[in-house]
Amino acid sequence: MLEFAVSEEKNRQLRQKMAELGVYEEDLLESFVRSSGKGGQHLNKTSSCVKLKHKLTGIQVTCMKERSQSVNRFLARRELIERIETATGIITPEIKRVEKLRKQKARRRRRSTRV
């Protein structure tokens, strides 16, 4: 597995999640393009945007959050793992957070109509 420009702990957690879901580096198509947005000359000269596609599921992710290609590669893999978990029906912390917000809004809506 590749090492990215993030802490060893984050690299280890990513490897562990990928192994749990059965996602292997051979199953990923990775390409690099030029990013857009803030970053100036650095972004104009480098291809730091990462496009990642999982061959088996067809899920595709584009990441250009950071100026570093290595960090974007890590973030793209992490986002791909989250999308695969969502597609397989595994309850992720993000899904729990969204569901909690949905319940809070519904509760507030009910309370506001009562008064």
C-alpha atoms as a PDB file:
ATOM      1  CA  MET A   1       0.000   0.000   0.000  1.00  0.00           C
ATOM      2  CA  LEU A   2       1.083   3.510  -0.692  1.00  0.00           C
ATOM      3  CA  GLU A   3       2.095   5.977   1.995  1.00  0.00           C
ATOM      4  CA  PHE A   4       0.619   9.448   1.801  1.00  0.00           C
ATOM      5  CA  ALA A   5       1.737  12.783   3.248  1.00  0.00           C
ATOM      6  CA  VAL A   6      -0.426  12.369   6.350  1.00  0.00           C
ATOM      7  CA  SER A   7       0.307  10.844   9.753  1.00  0.00           C
ATOM      8  CA  GLU A   8       1.144   7.157  10.070  1.00  0.00           C
ATOM      9  CA  GLU A   9      -2.000   6.671  12.155  1.00  0.00           C
ATOM     10  CA  LYS A  10      -4.233   7.994   9.350  1.00  0.00           C
ATOM     11  CA  ASN A  11      -2.417   5.820   6.793  1.00  0.00           C
ATOM     12  CA  ARG A  12      -2.946   2.780   9.027  1.00  0.00           C
ATOM     13  CA  GLN A  13      -6.659   3.529   9.521  1.00  0.00           C
ATOM     14  CA  LEU A  14      -7.154   3.917   5.763  1.00  0.00           C
ATOM     15  CA  ARG A  15      -5.423   0.584   5.057  1.00  0.00           C
ATOM     16  CA  GLN A  16      -7.567  -1.085   7.723  1.00  0.00           C
ATOM     17  CA  LYS A  17     -10.844   0.306   6.318  1.00  0.00           C
ATOM     18  CA  MET A  18      -9.881  -0.717   2.786  1.00  0.00           C
ATOM     19  CA  ALA A  19      -9.084  -4.236   3.970  1.00  0.00           C
ATOM     20  CA  GLU A  20     -12.408  -4.491   5.852  1.00  0.00           C
ATOM     21  CA  LEU A  21     -14.365  -3.548   2.723  1.00  0.00           C
ATOM     22  CA  GLY A  22     -12.216  -5.613   0.370  1.00  0.00           C
ATOM     23  CA  VAL A  23     -11.050  -2.604  -1.658  1.00  0.00           C
ATOM     24  CA  TYR A  24      -7.604  -3.162  -3.178  1.00  0.00           C
ATOM     25  CA  GLU A  25      -5.268  -0.775  -4.989  1.00  0.00           C
ATOM     26  CA  GLU A  26      -5.554  -2.953  -8.127  1.00  0.00           C
ATOM     27  CA  ASP A  27      -9.299  -2.186  -8.211  1.00  0.00           C
ATOM     28  CA  LEU A  28      -8.722   1.578  -8.406  1.00  0.00           C
ATOM     29  CA  LEU A  29      -8.205   3.694 -11.520  1.00  0.00           C
ATOM     30  CA  GLU A  30      -6.367   6.870 -10.612  1.00  0.00           C
ATOM     31  CA  SER A  31      -5.779   9.913 -12.799  1.00  0.00           C
ATOM     32  CA  PHE A  32      -4.457  13.396 -12.154  1.00  0.00           C
ATOM     33  CA  VAL A  33      -5.638  16.667 -13.669  1.00  0.00           C
ATOM     34  CA  ARG A  34      -5.076  20.335 -12.962  1.00  0.00           C
ATOM     35  CA  SER A  35      -7.066  21.752 -10.078  1.00  0.00           C
ATOM     36  CA  SER A  36      -9.052  24.936 -10.123  1.00  0.00           C
ATOM     37  CA  GLY A  37      -9.663  27.620  -7.557  1.00  0.00           C
ATOM     38  CA  LYS A  38      -7.377  29.374  -5.119  1.00  0.00           C
ATOM     39  CA  GLY A  39      -3.714  28.412  -5.055  1.00  0.00           C
ATOM     40  CA  GLY A  40      -2.166  30.658  -7.655  1.00  0.00           C
ATOM     41  CA  GLN A  41       0.830  29.641  -9.702  1.00  0.00           C
ATOM     42  CA  HIS A  42       1.288  26.373  -7.820  1.00  0.00           C
ATOM     43  CA  LEU A  43      -2.091  25.055  -8.996  1.00  0.00           C
ATOM     44  CA  ASN A  44      -1.535  26.303 -12.520  1.00  0.00           C
ATOM     45  CA  LYS A  45       1.693  24.322 -12.877  1.00  0.00           C
ATOM     46  CA  THR A  46       0.876  21.041 -11.133  1.00  0.00           C
ATOM     47  CA  SER A  47      -1.738  18.332 -11.596  1.00  0.00           C
ATOM     48  CA  SER A  48      -2.865  18.049  -7.997  1.00  0.00           C
ATOM     49  CA  CYS A  49      -6.527  17.114  -8.570  1.00  0.00           C
ATOM     50  CA  VAL A  50      -7.103  13.369  -8.138  1.00  0.00           C
ATOM     51  CA  LYS A  51      -9.813  11.391  -9.925  1.00  0.00           C
ATOM     52  CA  LEU A  52     -10.361   7.961  -8.454  1.00  0.00           C
ATOM     53  CA  LYS A  53     -12.687   5.251  -9.780  1.00  0.00           C
ATOM     54  CA  HIS A  54     -13.481   1.897  -8.219  1.00  0.00           C
ATOM     55  CA  LYS A  55     -13.653  -0.583 -11.103  1.00  0.00           C
ATOM     56  CA  LEU A  56     -15.989  -3.070  -9.416  1.00  0.00           C
ATOM     57  CA  THR A  57     -18.715  -0.674  -8.259  1.00  0.00           C
ATOM     58  CA  GLY A  58     -18.189   2.156 -10.743  1.00  0.00           C
ATOM     59  CA  ILE A  59     -18.115   4.731  -7.940  1.00  0.00           C
ATOM     60  CA  GLN A  60     -16.082   7.784  -8.955  1.00  0.00           C
ATOM     61  CA  VAL A  61     -14.546  10.471  -6.716  1.00  0.00           C
ATOM     62  CA  THR A  62     -12.780  13.747  -7.540  1.00  0.00           C
ATOM     63  CA  CYS A  63     -10.716  15.486  -4.885  1.00  0.00           C
ATOM     64  CA  MET A  64      -9.029  18.887  -5.135  1.00  0.00           C
ATOM     65  CA  LYS A  65      -9.360  20.128  -1.570  1.00  0.00           C
ATOM     66  CA  GLU A  66      -5.633  20.600  -0.908  1.00  0.00           C
ATOM     67  CA  ARG A  67      -2.703  21.903  -2.904  1.00  0.00           C
ATOM     68  CA  SER A  68      -0.743  18.689  -2.319  1.00  0.00           C
ATOM     69  CA  GLN A  69      -1.318  15.780  -4.697  1.00  0.00           C
ATOM     70  CA  SER A  70      -0.368  13.249  -2.022  1.00  0.00           C
ATOM     71  CA  VAL A  71      -2.900  14.608   0.471  1.00  0.00           C
ATOM     72  CA  ASN A  72      -5.567  14.695  -2.250  1.00  0.00           C
ATOM     73  CA  ARG A  73      -4.830  11.041  -3.054  1.00  0.00           C
ATOM     74  CA  PHE A  74      -5.416  10.168   0.602  1.00  0.00           C
ATOM     75  CA  LEU A  75      -8.616  12.237   0.826  1.00  0.00           C
ATOM     76  CA  ALA A  76      -9.963  10.728  -2.411  1.00  0.00           C
ATOM     77  CA  ARG A  77      -9.460   7.206  -1.080  1.00  0.00           C
ATOM     78  CA  ARG A  78     -11.115   8.113   2.208  1.00  0.00           C
ATOM     79  CA  GLU A  79     -14.124   9.607   0.407  1.00  0.00           C
ATOM     80  CA  LEU A  80     -14.344   6.578  -1.892  1.00  0.00           C
ATOM     81  CA  ILE A  81     -14.409   4.257   1.133  1.00  0.00           C
ATOM     82  CA  GLU A  82     -17.232   6.330   2.671  1.00  0.00           C
ATOM     83  CA  ARG A  83     -19.260   6.144  -0.554  1.00  0.00           C
ATOM     84  CA  ILE A  84     -18.739   2.386  -0.839  1.00  0.00           C
ATOM     85  CA  GLU A  85     -19.879   1.971   2.777  1.00  0.00           C
ATOM     86  CA  THR A  86     -22.974   4.051   2.049  1.00  0.00           C
ATOM     87  CA  ALA A  87     -23.729   2.056  -1.109  1.00  0.00           C
ATOM     88  CA  THR A  88     -23.446  -1.251   0.762  1.00  0.00           C
ATOM     89  CA  GLY A  89     -25.752  -0.051   3.534  1.00  0.00           C
ATOM     90  CA  ILE A  90     -23.191   0.136   6.325  1.00  0.00           C
ATOM     91  CA  ILE A  91     -24.122   2.810   8.856  1.00  0.00           C
ATOM     92  CA  THR A  92     -21.277   5.309   8.955  1.00  0.00           C
ATOM     93  CA  PRO A  93     -20.722   8.165  11.422  1.00  0.00           C
ATOM     94  CA  GLU A  94     -21.688  10.594   8.643  1.00  0.00           C
ATOM     95  CA  ILE A  95     -25.014   8.819   8.110  1.00  0.00           C
ATOM     96  CA  LYS A  96     -25.651   8.908  11.867  1.00  0.00           C
ATOM     97  CA  ARG A  97     -24.905  12.647  11.961  1.00  0.00           C
ATOM     98  CA  VAL A  98     -27.241  13.386   9.048  1.00  0.00           C
ATOM     99  CA  GLU A  99     -30.021  11.265  10.567  1.00  0.00           C
ATOM    100  CA  LYS A 100     -29.656  13.050  13.913  1.00  0.00           C
ATOM    101  CA  LEU A 101     -29.961  16.440  12.192  1.00  0.00           C
ATOM    102  CA  ARG A 102     -33.013  15.244  10.265  1.00  0.00           C
ATOM    103  CA  LYS A 103     -34.717  14.159  13.508  1.00  0.00           C
ATOM    104  CA  GLN A 104     -33.872  17.478  15.205  1.00  0.00           C
ATOM    105  CA  LYS A 105     -35.362  19.467  12.323  1.00  0.00           C
ATOM    106  CA  ALA A 106     -38.510  17.342  12.312  1.00  0.00           C
ATOM    107  CA  ARG A 107     -38.907  17.820  16.066  1.00  0.00           C
ATOM    108  CA  ARG A 108     -38.491  21.601  15.728  1.00  0.00           C
ATOM    109  CA  ARG A 109     -40.986  21.690  12.858  1.00  0.00           C
ATOM    110  CA  ARG A 110     -43.576  19.806  14.936  1.00  0.00           C
ATOM    111  CA  ARG A 111     -43.032  22.103  17.919  1.00  0.00           C
ATOM    112  CA  SER A 112     -43.363  25.271  15.836  1.00  0.00           C
ATOM    113  CA  THR A 113     -46.687  24.149  14.331  1.00  0.00           C
ATOM    114  CA  ARG A 114     -48.145  23.362  17.788  1.00  0.00           C
ATOM    115  CA  VAL A 115     -47.902  26.916  19.061  1.00  0.00           C
END
